[in-house]
């Protein structure tokens, strides 16, 4: 086995805490996704359809539609 010096034990502890937090948050995210799919709550807001990607459900080809220009002046 490789022996670590004392300052490496601190970083090992930090790494272990980080991996435990990652596992915990992964379980929480999985639970939230499953709970959302099971509960089937109503959507309380609607997305505005003023964007062409939302209107056609696909990304538009570049320069095929009239694009709004944004001008910045100093």
PDB file of N, CA and C in Angstrom:
ATOM      1  N   UNK A   1       0.828  -1.189   0.000  1.00  0.00           N
ATOM      2  CA  UNK A   1       0.000   0.000   0.000  1.00  0.00           C
ATOM      3  C   UNK A   1       0.871   1.252   0.000  1.00  0.00           C
ATOM      4  N   UNK A   2       0.290   2.305  -0.564  1.00  0.00           N
ATOM      5  CA  UNK A   2       1.012   3.575  -0.581  1.00  0.00           C
ATOM      6  C   UNK A   2       0.741   4.294   0.732  1.00  0.00           C
ATOM      7  N   UNK A   3       1.775   4.803   1.334  1.00  0.00           N
ATOM      8  CA  UNK A   3       1.597   5.569   2.567  1.00  0.00           C
ATOM      9  C   UNK A   3       1.519   7.046   2.221  1.00  0.00           C
ATOM     10  N   UNK A   4       0.542   7.725   2.817  1.00  0.00           N
ATOM     11  CA  UNK A   4       0.354   9.149   2.584  1.00  0.00           C
ATOM     12  C   UNK A   4       0.958   9.932   3.730  1.00  0.00           C
ATOM     13  N   UNK A   5       1.421  11.097   3.422  1.00  0.00           N
ATOM     14  CA  UNK A   5       1.878  11.967   4.500  1.00  0.00           C
ATOM     15  C   UNK A   5       0.663  12.619   5.153  1.00  0.00           C
ATOM     16  N   UNK A   6       0.893  13.349   6.223  1.00  0.00           N
ATOM     17  CA  UNK A   6      -0.217  13.902   7.003  1.00  0.00           C
ATOM     18  C   UNK A   6      -1.069  14.889   6.211  1.00  0.00           C
ATOM     19  N   UNK A   7      -0.468  15.692   5.356  1.00  0.00           N
ATOM     20  CA  UNK A   7      -1.269  16.679   4.628  1.00  0.00           C
ATOM     21  C   UNK A   7      -2.116  16.027   3.540  1.00  0.00           C
ATOM     22  N   UNK A   8      -1.808  14.843   3.110  1.00  0.00           N
ATOM     23  CA  UNK A   8      -2.635  14.141   2.132  1.00  0.00           C
ATOM     24  C   UNK A   8      -3.898  13.567   2.778  1.00  0.00           C
ATOM     25  N   UNK A   9      -3.874  13.297   4.079  1.00  0.00           N
ATOM     26  CA  UNK A   9      -5.054  12.781   4.762  1.00  0.00           C
ATOM     27  C   UNK A   9      -6.181  13.807   4.768  1.00  0.00           C
ATOM     28  N   UNK A  10      -5.842  15.085   4.879  1.00  0.00           N
ATOM     29  CA  UNK A  10      -6.848  16.144   4.840  1.00  0.00           C
ATOM     30  C   UNK A  10      -7.562  16.152   3.490  1.00  0.00           C
ATOM     31  N   UNK A  11      -6.800  16.062   2.405  1.00  0.00           N
ATOM     32  CA  UNK A  11      -7.412  16.070   1.075  1.00  0.00           C
ATOM     33  C   UNK A  11      -8.199  14.790   0.817  1.00  0.00           C
ATOM     34  N   UNK A  12      -7.789  13.689   1.420  1.00  0.00           N
ATOM     35  CA  UNK A  12      -8.553  12.452   1.326  1.00  0.00           C
ATOM     36  C   UNK A  12      -9.909  12.609   2.012  1.00  0.00           C
ATOM     37  N   UNK A  13      -9.922  13.279   3.165  1.00  0.00           N
ATOM     38  CA  UNK A  13     -11.170  13.540   3.880  1.00  0.00           C
ATOM     39  C   UNK A  13     -12.083  14.447   3.054  1.00  0.00           C
ATOM     40  N   UNK A  14     -11.534  15.500   2.472  1.00  0.00           N
ATOM     41  CA  UNK A  14     -12.319  16.414   1.632  1.00  0.00           C
ATOM     42  C   UNK A  14     -12.902  15.656   0.436  1.00  0.00           C
ATOM     43  N   UNK A  15     -12.116  14.807  -0.176  1.00  0.00           N
ATOM     44  CA  UNK A  15     -12.587  14.020  -1.315  1.00  0.00           C
ATOM     45  C   UNK A  15     -13.697  13.061  -0.902  1.00  0.00           C
ATOM     46  N   UNK A  16     -13.568  12.457   0.263  1.00  0.00           N
ATOM     47  CA  UNK A  16     -14.598  11.531   0.740  1.00  0.00           C
ATOM     48  C   UNK A  16     -15.903  12.263   1.024  1.00  0.00           C
ATOM     49  N   UNK A  17     -15.815  13.434   1.631  1.00  0.00           N
ATOM     50  CA  UNK A  17     -17.023  14.227   1.894  1.00  0.00           C
ATOM     51  C   UNK A  17     -17.675  14.642   0.579  1.00  0.00           C
ATOM     52  N   UNK A  18     -16.879  15.025  -0.392  1.00  0.00           N
ATOM     53  CA  UNK A  18     -17.416  15.413  -1.694  1.00  0.00           C
ATOM     54  C   UNK A  18     -18.097  14.259  -2.404  1.00  0.00           C
ATOM     55  N   UNK A  19     -17.520  13.071  -2.314  1.00  0.00           N
ATOM     56  CA  UNK A  19     -18.149  11.921  -2.975  1.00  0.00           C
ATOM     57  C   UNK A  19     -19.447  11.531  -2.275  1.00  0.00           C
ATOM     58  N   UNK A  20     -19.497  11.644  -0.949  1.00  0.00           N
ATOM     59  CA  UNK A  20     -20.744  11.362  -0.236  1.00  0.00           C
ATOM     60  C   UNK A  20     -21.821  12.383  -0.590  1.00  0.00           C
ATOM     61  N   UNK A  21     -21.440  13.648  -0.707  1.00  0.00           N
ATOM     62  CA  UNK A  21     -22.403  14.680  -1.098  1.00  0.00           C
ATOM     63  C   UNK A  21     -22.913  14.433  -2.509  1.00  0.00           C
ATOM     64  N   UNK A  22     -22.032  14.017  -3.410  1.00  0.00           N
ATOM     65  CA  UNK A  22     -22.443  13.729  -4.782  1.00  0.00           C
ATOM     66  C   UNK A  22     -23.442  12.583  -4.828  1.00  0.00           C
ATOM     67  N   UNK A  23     -23.188  11.537  -4.073  1.00  0.00           N
ATOM     68  CA  UNK A  23     -24.113  10.401  -4.028  1.00  0.00           C
ATOM     69  C   UNK A  23     -25.459  10.828  -3.451  1.00  0.00           C
ATOM     70  N   UNK A  24     -25.435  11.626  -2.373  1.00  0.00           N
ATOM     71  CA  UNK A  24     -26.668  12.085  -1.747  1.00  0.00           C
ATOM     72  C   UNK A  24     -27.483  12.950  -2.713  1.00  0.00           C
ATOM     73  N   UNK A  25     -26.830  13.879  -3.405  1.00  0.00           N
ATOM     74  CA  UNK A  25     -27.549  14.753  -4.329  1.00  0.00           C
ATOM     75  C   UNK A  25     -28.043  13.994  -5.557  1.00  0.00           C
ATOM     76  N   UNK A  26     -27.340  12.948  -5.954  1.00  0.00           N
ATOM     77  CA  UNK A  26     -27.816  12.113  -7.059  1.00  0.00           C
ATOM     78  C   UNK A  26     -29.096  11.389  -6.668  1.00  0.00           C
ATOM     79  N   UNK A  27     -29.146  10.869  -5.445  1.00  0.00           N
ATOM     80  CA  UNK A  27     -30.370  10.232  -4.968  1.00  0.00           C
ATOM     81  C   UNK A  27     -31.510  11.238  -4.857  1.00  0.00           C
ATOM     82  N   UNK A  28     -31.198  12.445  -4.383  1.00  0.00           N
ATOM     83  CA  UNK A  28     -32.233  13.472  -4.273  1.00  0.00           C
ATOM     84  C   UNK A  28     -32.783  13.853  -5.642  1.00  0.00           C
ATOM     85  N   UNK A  29     -31.913  14.013  -6.628  1.00  0.00           N
ATOM     86  CA  UNK A  29     -32.355  14.353  -7.975  1.00  0.00           C
ATOM     87  C   UNK A  29     -33.200  13.234  -8.567  1.00  0.00           C
ATOM     88  N   UNK A  30     -32.780  11.992  -8.365  1.00  0.00           N
ATOM     89  CA  UNK A  30     -33.554  10.853  -8.856  1.00  0.00           C
ATOM     90  C   UNK A  30     -34.931  10.816  -8.206  1.00  0.00           C
ATOM     91  N   UNK A  31     -34.987  11.053  -6.903  1.00  0.00           N
ATOM     92  CA  UNK A  31     -36.270  11.079  -6.203  1.00  0.00           C
ATOM     93  C   UNK A  31     -37.160  12.192  -6.730  1.00  0.00           C
ATOM     94  N   UNK A  32     -36.591  13.378  -6.955  1.00  0.00           N
ATOM     95  CA  UNK A  32     -37.393  14.495  -7.455  1.00  0.00           C
ATOM     96  C   UNK A  32     -37.935  14.223  -8.854  1.00  0.00           C
ATOM     97  N   UNK A  33     -37.137  13.621  -9.701  1.00  0.00           N
ATOM     98  CA  UNK A  33     -37.603  13.305 -11.055  1.00  0.00           C
ATOM     99  C   UNK A  33     -38.721  12.266 -11.006  1.00  0.00           C
ATOM    100  N   UNK A  34     -38.550  11.217 -10.212  1.00  0.00           N
ATOM    101  CA  UNK A  34     -39.583  10.182 -10.104  1.00  0.00           C
ATOM    102  C   UNK A  34     -40.850  10.750  -9.480  1.00  0.00           C
ATOM    103  N   UNK A  35     -40.708  11.571  -8.440  1.00  0.00           N
ATOM    104  CA  UNK A  35     -41.869  12.162  -7.777  1.00  0.00           C
ATOM    105  C   UNK A  35     -42.619  13.093  -8.715  1.00  0.00           C
ATOM    106  N   UNK A  36     -41.898  13.830  -9.544  1.00  0.00           N
ATOM    107  CA  UNK A  36     -42.533  14.729 -10.504  1.00  0.00           C
ATOM    108  C   UNK A  36     -43.301  13.945 -11.556  1.00  0.00           C
ATOM    109  N   UNK A  37     -42.746  12.840 -12.004  1.00  0.00           N
ATOM    110  CA  UNK A  37     -43.426  12.032 -13.016  1.00  0.00           C
ATOM    111  C   UNK A  37     -44.659  11.340 -12.437  1.00  0.00           C
ATOM    112  N   UNK A  38     -44.620  10.969 -11.172  1.00  0.00           N
ATOM    113  CA  UNK A  38     -45.745  10.270 -10.556  1.00  0.00           C
ATOM    114  C   UNK A  38     -46.871  11.236 -10.193  1.00  0.00           C
ATOM    115  N   UNK A  39     -46.542  12.424  -9.682  1.00  0.00           N
ATOM    116  CA  UNK A  39     -47.566  13.333  -9.162  1.00  0.00           C
ATOM    117  C   UNK A  39     -48.421  13.970 -10.247  1.00  0.00           C
ATOM    118  N   UNK A  40     -47.872  14.204 -11.438  1.00  0.00           N
ATOM    119  CA  UNK A  40     -48.597  14.781 -12.580  1.00  0.00           C
ATOM    120  C   UNK A  40     -49.315  16.073 -12.205  1.00  0.00           C
ATOM    121  N   UNK A  41     -48.597  16.991 -11.602  1.00  0.00           N
ATOM    122  CA  UNK A  41     -49.187  18.277 -11.235  1.00  0.00           C
ATOM    123  C   UNK A  41     -49.397  19.131 -12.475  1.00  0.00           C
ATOM    124  N   UNK A  42     -50.333  20.073 -12.375  1.00  0.00           N
ATOM    125  CA  UNK A  42     -50.594  20.971 -13.488  1.00  0.00           C
ATOM    126  C   UNK A  42     -49.470  21.989 -13.614  1.00  0.00           C
ATOM    127  N   UNK A  43     -49.255  22.429 -14.837  1.00  0.00           N
ATOM    128  CA  UNK A  43     -48.262  23.469 -15.080  1.00  0.00           C
ATOM    129  C   UNK A  43     -48.885  24.801 -14.695  1.00  0.00           C
ATOM    130  N   UNK A  44     -48.186  25.599 -13.912  1.00  0.00           N
ATOM    131  CA  UNK A  44     -48.762  26.852 -13.440  1.00  0.00           C
ATOM    132  C   UNK A  44     -48.347  28.044 -14.287  1.00  0.00           C
ATOM    133  N   UNK A  45     -47.546  27.834 -15.315  1.00  0.00           N
ATOM    134  CA  UNK A  45     -47.174  28.923 -16.209  1.00  0.00           C
ATOM    135  C   UNK A  45     -47.025  28.364 -17.614  1.00  0.00           C
ATOM    136  N   UNK A  46     -47.143  29.237 -18.588  1.00  0.00           N
ATOM    137  CA  UNK A  46     -47.013  28.850 -19.982  1.00  0.00           C
ATOM    138  C   UNK A  46     -45.844  29.594 -20.598  1.00  0.00           C
ATOM    139  N   UNK A  47     -45.151  28.933 -21.498  1.00  0.00           N
ATOM    140  CA  UNK A  47     -44.031  29.555 -22.195  1.00  0.00           C
ATOM    141  C   UNK A  47     -44.586  30.353 -23.362  1.00  0.00           C
ATOM    142  N   UNK A  48     -44.116  31.587 -23.507  1.00  0.00           N
ATOM    143  CA  UNK A  48     -44.582  32.417 -24.610  1.00  0.00           C
ATOM    144  C   UNK A  48     -44.039  31.868 -25.924  1.00  0.00           C
ATOM    145  N   UNK A  49     -44.859  31.911 -26.954  1.00  0.00           N
ATOM    146  CA  UNK A  49     -44.488  31.353 -28.247  1.00  0.00           C
ATOM    147  C   UNK A  49     -43.887  32.386 -29.186  1.00  0.00           C
ATOM    148  N   UNK A  50     -43.218  33.393 -28.684  1.00  0.00           N
ATOM    149  CA  UNK A  50     -42.683  34.405 -29.585  1.00  0.00           C
ATOM    150  C   UNK A  50     -41.330  34.019 -30.170  1.00  0.00           C
ATOM    151  N   UNK A  51     -40.796  32.901 -29.800  1.00  0.00           N
ATOM    152  CA  UNK A  51     -39.534  32.430 -30.341  1.00  0.00           C
ATOM    153  C   UNK A  51     -39.830  31.357 -31.396  1.00  0.00           C
ATOM    154  N   UNK A  52     -39.119  31.405 -32.519  1.00  0.00           N
ATOM    155  CA  UNK A  52     -39.400  30.454 -33.604  1.00  0.00           C
ATOM    156  C   UNK A  52     -39.099  29.013 -33.212  1.00  0.00           C
ATOM    157  N   UNK A  53     -38.149  28.803 -32.328  1.00  0.00           N
ATOM    158  CA  UNK A  53     -37.850  27.435 -31.891  1.00  0.00           C
ATOM    159  C   UNK A  53     -39.022  26.841 -31.122  1.00  0.00           C
ATOM    160  N   UNK A  54     -39.734  27.662 -30.349  1.00  0.00           N
ATOM    161  CA  UNK A  54     -40.887  27.163 -29.607  1.00  0.00           C
ATOM    162  C   UNK A  54     -42.095  27.004 -30.516  1.00  0.00           C
ATOM    163  N   UNK A  55     -42.201  27.820 -31.559  1.00  0.00           N
ATOM    164  CA  UNK A  55     -43.349  27.714 -32.461  1.00  0.00           C
ATOM    165  C   UNK A  55     -43.297  26.442 -33.306  1.00  0.00           C
ATOM    166  N   UNK A  56     -42.112  26.085 -33.800  1.00  0.00           N
ATOM    167  CA  UNK A  56     -41.986  24.955 -34.716  1.00  0.00           C
ATOM    168  C   UNK A  56     -41.424  23.697 -34.060  1.00  0.00           C
ATOM    169  N   UNK A  57     -41.047  23.779 -32.805  1.00  0.00           N
ATOM    170  CA  UNK A  57     -40.491  22.657 -32.035  1.00  0.00           C
ATOM    171  C   UNK A  57     -39.184  22.113 -32.601  1.00  0.00           C
ATOM    172  N   UNK A  58     -38.541  22.845 -33.470  1.00  0.00           N
ATOM    173  CA  UNK A  58     -37.225  22.471 -33.986  1.00  0.00           C
ATOM    174  C   UNK A  58     -36.382  23.735 -34.080  1.00  0.00           C
ATOM    175  N   UNK A  59     -35.077  23.618 -33.985  1.00  0.00           N
ATOM    176  CA  UNK A  59     -34.243  24.809 -34.172  1.00  0.00           C
ATOM    177  C   UNK A  59     -34.306  25.277 -35.617  1.00  0.00           C
ATOM    178  N   UNK A  60     -34.411  26.580 -35.806  1.00  0.00           N
ATOM    179  CA  UNK A  60     -34.498  27.088 -37.170  1.00  0.00           C
ATOM    180  C   UNK A  60     -33.113  27.141 -37.810  1.00  0.00           C
ATOM    181  N   UNK A  61     -33.114  27.057 -39.130  1.00  0.00           N
ATOM    182  CA  UNK A  61     -31.863  27.160 -39.868  1.00  0.00           C
ATOM    183  C   UNK A  61     -31.374  28.603 -39.785  1.00  0.00           C
ATOM    184  N   UNK A  62     -30.087  28.791 -39.808  1.00  0.00           N
ATOM    185  CA  UNK A  62     -29.523  30.124 -39.673  1.00  0.00           C
ATOM    186  C   UNK A  62     -29.921  30.988 -40.860  1.00  0.00           C
ATOM    187  N   UNK A  63     -30.381  32.179 -40.585  1.00  0.00           N
ATOM    188  CA  UNK A  63     -30.743  33.198 -41.574  1.00  0.00           C
ATOM    189  C   UNK A  63     -31.892  32.771 -42.482  1.00  0.00           C
ATOM    190  N   UNK A  64     -32.795  31.936 -42.000  1.00  0.00           N
ATOM    191  CA  UNK A  64     -33.945  31.593 -42.824  1.00  0.00           C
ATOM    192  C   UNK A  64     -35.160  32.424 -42.455  1.00  0.00           C
ATOM    193  N   UNK A  65     -35.185  32.986 -41.270  1.00  0.00           N
ATOM    194  CA  UNK A  65     -36.280  33.824 -40.827  1.00  0.00           C
ATOM    195  C   UNK A  65     -35.754  35.229 -40.573  1.00  0.00           C
ATOM    196  N   UNK A  66     -36.657  36.170 -40.499  1.00  0.00           N
ATOM    197  CA  UNK A  66     -36.250  37.534 -40.164  1.00  0.00           C
ATOM    198  C   UNK A  66     -35.796  37.531 -38.713  1.00  0.00           C
ATOM    199  N   UNK A  67     -34.597  37.974 -38.491  1.00  0.00           N
ATOM    200  CA  UNK A  67     -34.044  37.969 -37.148  1.00  0.00           C
ATOM    201  C   UNK A  67     -34.101  39.372 -36.572  1.00  0.00           C
ATOM    202  N   UNK A  68     -34.401  39.446 -35.305  1.00  0.00           N
ATOM    203  CA  UNK A  68     -34.380  40.732 -34.631  1.00  0.00           C
ATOM    204  C   UNK A  68     -32.936  41.115 -34.360  1.00  0.00           C
ATOM    205  N   UNK A  69     -32.583  42.315 -34.749  1.00  0.00           N
ATOM    206  CA  UNK A  69     -31.226  42.788 -34.513  1.00  0.00           C
ATOM    207  C   UNK A  69     -31.163  43.524 -33.193  1.00  0.00           C
ATOM    208  N   UNK A  70     -30.076  43.337 -32.492  1.00  0.00           N
ATOM    209  CA  UNK A  70     -29.850  44.066 -31.252  1.00  0.00           C
ATOM    210  C   UNK A  70     -28.671  44.993 -31.479  1.00  0.00           C
ATOM    211  N   UNK A  71     -28.919  46.268 -31.405  1.00  0.00           N
ATOM    212  CA  UNK A  71     -27.858  47.255 -31.590  1.00  0.00           C
ATOM    213  C   UNK A  71     -27.467  47.819 -30.238  1.00  0.00           C
ATOM    214  N   UNK A  72     -26.187  47.887 -30.013  1.00  0.00           N
ATOM    215  CA  UNK A  72     -25.672  48.449 -28.779  1.00  0.00           C
ATOM    216  C   UNK A  72     -24.888  49.704 -29.115  1.00  0.00           C
ATOM    217  N   UNK A  73     -25.257  50.795 -28.479  1.00  0.00           N
ATOM    218  CA  UNK A  73     -24.580  52.064 -28.713  1.00  0.00           C
ATOM    219  C   UNK A  73     -23.893  52.502 -27.434  1.00  0.00           C
ATOM    220  N   UNK A  74     -22.721  53.105 -27.592  1.00  0.00           N
ATOM    221  CA  UNK A  74     -22.017  53.638 -26.426  1.00  0.00           C
ATOM    222  C   UNK A  74     -22.364  55.081 -26.222  1.00  0.00           C
TER     223      UNK A  74
END
